[in-house]
Amino acid sequence: MARVLYELCGIDERLRFSPYCWRVRYALAHKGLEAECRPWHFTDKEALAFADHDKVPVFVDGDEVVTDSYAILRYLDRVYPEAPLLGDGLAESRARFFKHYAERALAPAMLRTIIMDLLNAIHPKDRDYFRETREKRFGRALEEFHSPAKGLTQLDAALEPLRGCLKDADFLDGESPAAADYLVFGNFMWARCVSTADLVSNADPVYAWLERMLDQHDGLGRHAVRVTDIEGAYR
């Protein structure tokens, strides 16, 4: 059965930086499933018309088309029940909390820190679209929104719950990673791929968790292409 994952790419097709797509990448690796990862740009809306959707990730599994990263994780657990990601009942409710935590607490802080690096990493044909849509969302120019000092202070405070969890276990899901870890780690892969900003001190327990996550699944995250790997892309 052919599996295809449509992923956001940047200035180079090898540069895949969407936090939502990284969630799915790790989930597929967790399940031991292979998929063709196809590059997609912000302005390639027609390429996703078959899915009646205009954002990635889009996951195609034979005749099934699934959109939204969390829905894809749920689909994978339903169709491929070995090596569960989310679990049932209370376990899934906990994972859903981490989804919202990553999107509403971590992502805004990271974005204030890396947004100009992110703009640079985006393909030139997508930059006008990105600037227009984000400035409308923020109500200000990207240059005004960009504030690494404020972003890092905000992120440091937002990481406190994560630090508490990691005092008791190596991973958010316990002795080994699962959906909660992937839902949060996707944001860190987003930042890692497009920026050299140091978001977390190496003395922070979150840093040790990040290192463990980078090494998971044969170094899936550690070996990912970063903007610094692309000649002439980083300035």
Protein backbone atom coordinates (compact mmCIF):
# COMPACT_ATOMS: atom_id res chain seq x y z
CA MET A 1 0.00 0.00 0.00
CA ALA A 2 1.47 3.34 -1.08
CA ARG A 3 1.88 5.91 1.68
CA VAL A 4 2.64 9.54 0.92
CA LEU A 5 3.24 12.41 3.32
CA TYR A 6 3.06 15.93 1.92
CA GLU A 7 5.47 18.15 3.85
CA LEU A 8 6.30 21.84 3.86
CA CYS A 9 9.71 22.57 2.38
CA GLY A 10 11.86 25.67 2.29
CA ILE A 11 14.52 27.31 0.18
CA ASP A 12 15.75 23.83 -0.69
CA GLU A 13 13.42 20.84 -1.12
CA ARG A 14 15.48 18.92 1.43
CA LEU A 15 14.69 21.50 4.11
CA ARG A 16 11.54 20.25 5.86
CA PHE A 17 10.66 22.41 8.84
CA SER A 18 6.95 22.24 9.67
CA PRO A 19 6.44 21.29 13.34
CA TYR A 20 3.22 19.51 12.38
CA CYS A 21 4.95 17.45 9.71
CA TRP A 22 7.71 16.51 12.13
CA ARG A 23 5.07 15.14 14.49
CA VAL A 24 3.96 12.78 11.74
CA ARG A 25 7.51 11.90 10.68
CA TYR A 26 8.25 10.73 14.21
CA ALA A 27 4.91 8.94 14.50
CA LEU A 28 5.58 6.97 11.32
CA ALA A 29 9.05 6.04 12.57
CA HIS A 30 7.53 5.00 15.90
CA LYS A 31 5.21 2.64 14.02
CA GLY A 32 7.97 1.38 11.75
CA LEU A 33 6.08 2.61 8.70
CA GLU A 34 7.65 3.98 5.53
CA ALA A 35 6.17 6.76 3.45
CA GLU A 36 7.21 8.86 0.49
CA CYS A 37 7.73 12.39 1.79
CA ARG A 38 6.79 14.86 -0.95
CA PRO A 39 7.85 18.51 -0.75
CA TRP A 40 5.18 21.19 -0.77
CA HIS A 41 5.32 25.00 -0.70
CA PHE A 42 2.94 27.45 0.98
CA THR A 43 1.71 28.69 -2.38
CA ASP A 44 1.20 25.25 -3.95
CA LYS A 45 -2.47 25.15 -2.96
CA GLU A 46 -3.55 23.25 -6.07
CA ALA A 47 -1.26 20.35 -5.18
CA LEU A 48 -3.53 19.59 -2.21
CA ALA A 49 -6.86 20.07 -4.00
CA PHE A 50 -7.43 16.31 -3.96
CA ALA A 51 -7.52 16.49 -0.15
CA ASP A 52 -9.89 19.48 -0.06
CA HIS A 53 -7.30 21.10 2.19
CA ASP A 54 -4.72 23.88 1.86
CA LYS A 55 -2.19 23.02 4.56
CA VAL A 56 0.20 20.21 5.38
CA PRO A 57 0.67 17.61 6.63
CA VAL A 58 -1.54 15.61 4.33
CA PHE A 59 -1.15 11.86 4.64
CA VAL A 60 -2.24 9.47 1.91
CA ASP A 61 -2.51 5.80 2.78
CA GLY A 62 -3.84 3.94 -0.23
CA ASP A 63 -7.36 5.28 -0.71
CA GLU A 64 -7.38 7.11 2.62
CA VAL A 65 -6.51 10.81 2.85
CA VAL A 66 -6.00 12.29 6.31
CA THR A 67 -5.30 15.93 7.16
CA ASP A 68 -4.18 17.57 10.44
CA SER A 69 -1.25 16.13 12.36
CA TYR A 70 -3.26 15.01 15.40
CA ALA A 71 -5.87 13.34 13.20
CA ILE A 72 -3.06 11.53 11.40
CA LEU A 73 -1.69 10.21 14.71
CA ARG A 74 -5.16 8.97 15.63
CA TYR A 75 -5.51 7.35 12.23
CA LEU A 76 -2.17 5.58 12.60
CA ASP A 77 -3.20 4.15 15.96
CA ARG A 78 -6.51 2.95 14.57
CA VAL A 79 -5.17 1.34 11.39
CA TYR A 80 -1.78 0.24 12.71
CA PRO A 81 -2.46 -0.57 16.38
CA GLU A 82 0.98 -2.00 17.21
CA ALA A 83 3.27 0.41 19.09
CA PRO A 84 0.48 2.79 20.20
CA LEU A 85 1.08 6.52 20.02
CA LEU A 86 -1.83 8.07 21.88
CA GLY A 87 -3.43 5.29 23.88
CA ASP A 88 -7.07 5.39 24.92
CA GLY A 89 -9.20 7.48 27.25
CA LEU A 90 -7.11 9.37 29.79
CA ALA A 91 -3.90 8.72 27.87
CA GLU A 92 -5.28 10.41 24.77
CA SER A 93 -6.59 13.31 26.84
CA ARG A 94 -3.08 13.81 28.20
CA ALA A 95 -1.63 13.78 24.69
CA ARG A 96 -4.21 16.34 23.60
CA PHE A 97 -3.04 18.60 26.43
CA PHE A 98 0.53 18.43 25.12
CA LYS A 99 -0.74 19.26 21.63
CA HIS A 100 -2.31 22.48 22.89
CA TYR A 101 0.65 23.23 25.15
CA ALA A 102 3.04 23.02 22.19
CA GLU A 103 0.85 25.17 19.96
CA ARG A 104 -0.27 27.81 22.46
CA ALA A 105 2.65 28.14 24.88
CA LEU A 106 5.82 27.03 23.10
CA ALA A 107 5.19 28.03 19.48
CA PRO A 108 4.46 31.75 20.10
CA ALA A 109 7.63 32.15 22.20
CA MET A 110 9.74 30.35 19.62
CA LEU A 111 8.24 32.36 16.79
CA ARG A 112 9.21 35.69 18.38
CA THR A 113 12.75 34.36 18.58
CA ILE A 114 13.23 32.80 15.13
CA ILE A 115 10.76 34.49 12.80
CA MET A 116 13.32 36.36 10.69
CA ASP A 117 15.42 33.19 10.36
CA LEU A 118 12.24 31.39 9.38
CA LEU A 119 11.48 33.97 6.69
CA ASN A 120 14.98 33.51 5.30
CA ALA A 121 14.56 29.71 5.22
CA ILE A 122 11.27 29.86 3.29
CA HIS A 123 11.40 29.51 -0.47
CA PRO A 124 11.54 32.95 -2.14
CA LYS A 125 8.26 32.34 -3.98
CA ASP A 126 6.51 31.85 -0.63
CA ARG A 127 7.91 34.83 1.26
CA ASP A 128 5.35 37.41 0.19
CA TYR A 129 2.55 35.02 1.15
CA PHE A 130 4.18 34.26 4.49
CA ARG A 131 4.76 37.92 5.30
CA GLU A 132 1.25 38.99 4.31
CA THR A 133 -0.56 36.24 6.24
CA ARG A 134 1.58 36.49 9.37
CA GLU A 135 1.56 40.26 9.55
CA LYS A 136 -2.22 40.16 9.28
CA ARG A 137 -2.28 37.63 12.13
CA PHE A 138 0.13 39.60 14.34
CA GLY A 139 -1.17 43.05 13.47
CA ARG A 140 2.36 44.33 12.91
CA ALA A 141 5.38 43.95 10.63
CA LEU A 142 7.51 40.85 11.09
CA GLU A 143 10.43 43.06 12.03
CA GLU A 144 8.36 44.57 14.86
CA PHE A 145 7.13 41.17 16.04
CA HIS A 146 10.68 39.78 16.06
CA SER A 147 12.09 40.07 19.59
CA PRO A 148 14.52 37.30 20.59
CA ALA A 149 14.98 38.64 24.12
CA LYS A 150 11.25 38.64 24.81
CA GLY A 151 10.80 35.34 23.03
CA LEU A 152 13.47 33.55 25.04
CA THR A 153 12.12 34.93 28.31
CA GLN A 154 8.63 33.78 27.34
CA LEU A 155 9.96 30.37 26.32
CA ASP A 156 11.91 29.91 29.55
CA ALA A 157 8.71 30.39 31.55
CA ALA A 158 6.71 28.15 29.20
CA LEU A 159 9.20 25.31 29.67
CA GLU A 160 8.58 24.98 33.41
CA PRO A 161 5.87 22.27 33.06
CA LEU A 162 8.17 20.34 30.75
CA ARG A 163 11.00 20.51 33.28
CA GLY A 164 8.69 19.15 35.95
CA CYS A 165 7.68 16.19 33.78
CA LEU A 166 11.26 15.37 32.88
CA LYS A 167 12.37 15.19 36.50
CA ASP A 168 10.46 11.94 36.85
CA ALA A 169 11.13 10.23 33.52
CA ASP A 170 13.37 10.41 30.46
CA PHE A 171 10.41 11.13 28.19
CA LEU A 172 7.02 12.79 28.52
CA ASP A 173 5.39 9.42 27.91
CA GLY A 174 7.60 7.64 30.45
CA GLU A 175 10.50 5.30 29.74
CA SER A 176 10.20 5.67 25.97
CA PRO A 177 8.76 8.38 23.72
CA ALA A 178 5.29 8.38 22.17
CA ALA A 179 2.72 10.94 21.07
CA ALA A 180 3.24 13.47 23.87
CA ASP A 181 6.95 13.65 23.07
CA TYR A 182 6.39 13.94 19.33
CA LEU A 183 3.70 16.60 19.70
CA VAL A 184 6.07 18.83 21.67
CA PHE A 185 9.33 17.94 19.94
CA GLY A 186 7.97 18.94 16.55
CA ASN A 187 8.27 22.57 17.61
CA PHE A 188 11.92 22.16 18.50
CA MET A 189 12.62 20.53 15.14
CA TRP A 190 10.94 23.52 13.49
CA ALA A 191 13.37 25.88 15.22
CA ARG A 192 16.38 23.61 14.74
CA CYS A 193 15.86 23.33 10.98
CA VAL A 194 15.55 27.06 10.26
CA SER A 195 17.67 28.76 12.93
CA THR A 196 20.86 28.56 14.96
CA ALA A 197 19.26 30.24 17.98
CA ASP A 198 20.07 28.55 21.29
CA LEU A 199 16.63 28.10 22.79
CA VAL A 200 17.60 25.98 25.78
CA SER A 201 20.71 25.99 27.98
CA ASN A 202 22.68 22.74 27.96
CA ALA A 203 22.28 22.65 31.75
CA ASP A 204 18.49 22.50 31.39
CA PRO A 205 16.81 19.07 31.76
CA VAL A 206 14.86 19.94 28.62
CA TYR A 207 18.16 20.03 26.72
CA ALA A 208 18.96 16.44 27.72
CA TRP A 209 15.48 15.40 26.55
CA LEU A 210 16.05 17.17 23.23
CA GLU A 211 19.30 15.26 22.76
CA ARG A 212 17.52 11.98 23.44
CA MET A 213 14.77 12.88 21.00
CA LEU A 214 17.25 13.81 18.26
CA ASP A 215 18.78 10.34 18.56
CA GLN A 216 15.48 8.46 18.43
CA HIS A 217 14.68 6.30 15.41
CA ASP A 218 18.27 6.11 14.18
CA GLY A 219 18.88 9.83 14.56
CA LEU A 220 15.86 10.93 12.54
CA GLY A 221 15.98 14.49 13.88
CA ARG A 222 19.74 14.79 14.24
CA HIS A 223 20.34 13.92 10.58
CA ALA A 224 17.65 16.25 9.22
CA VAL A 225 18.83 18.94 6.82
CA ARG A 226 19.13 22.37 8.43
CA VAL A 227 19.28 25.73 6.73
CA THR A 228 22.97 25.93 7.68
CA ASP A 229 23.60 22.85 5.54
CA ILE A 230 22.41 24.63 2.41
CA GLU A 231 25.11 26.63 0.68
CA GLY A 232 24.33 30.32 0.61
CA ALA A 233 21.00 29.96 2.39
CA TYR A 234 21.95 31.19 5.83
CA ARG A 235 22.99 34.75 6.48
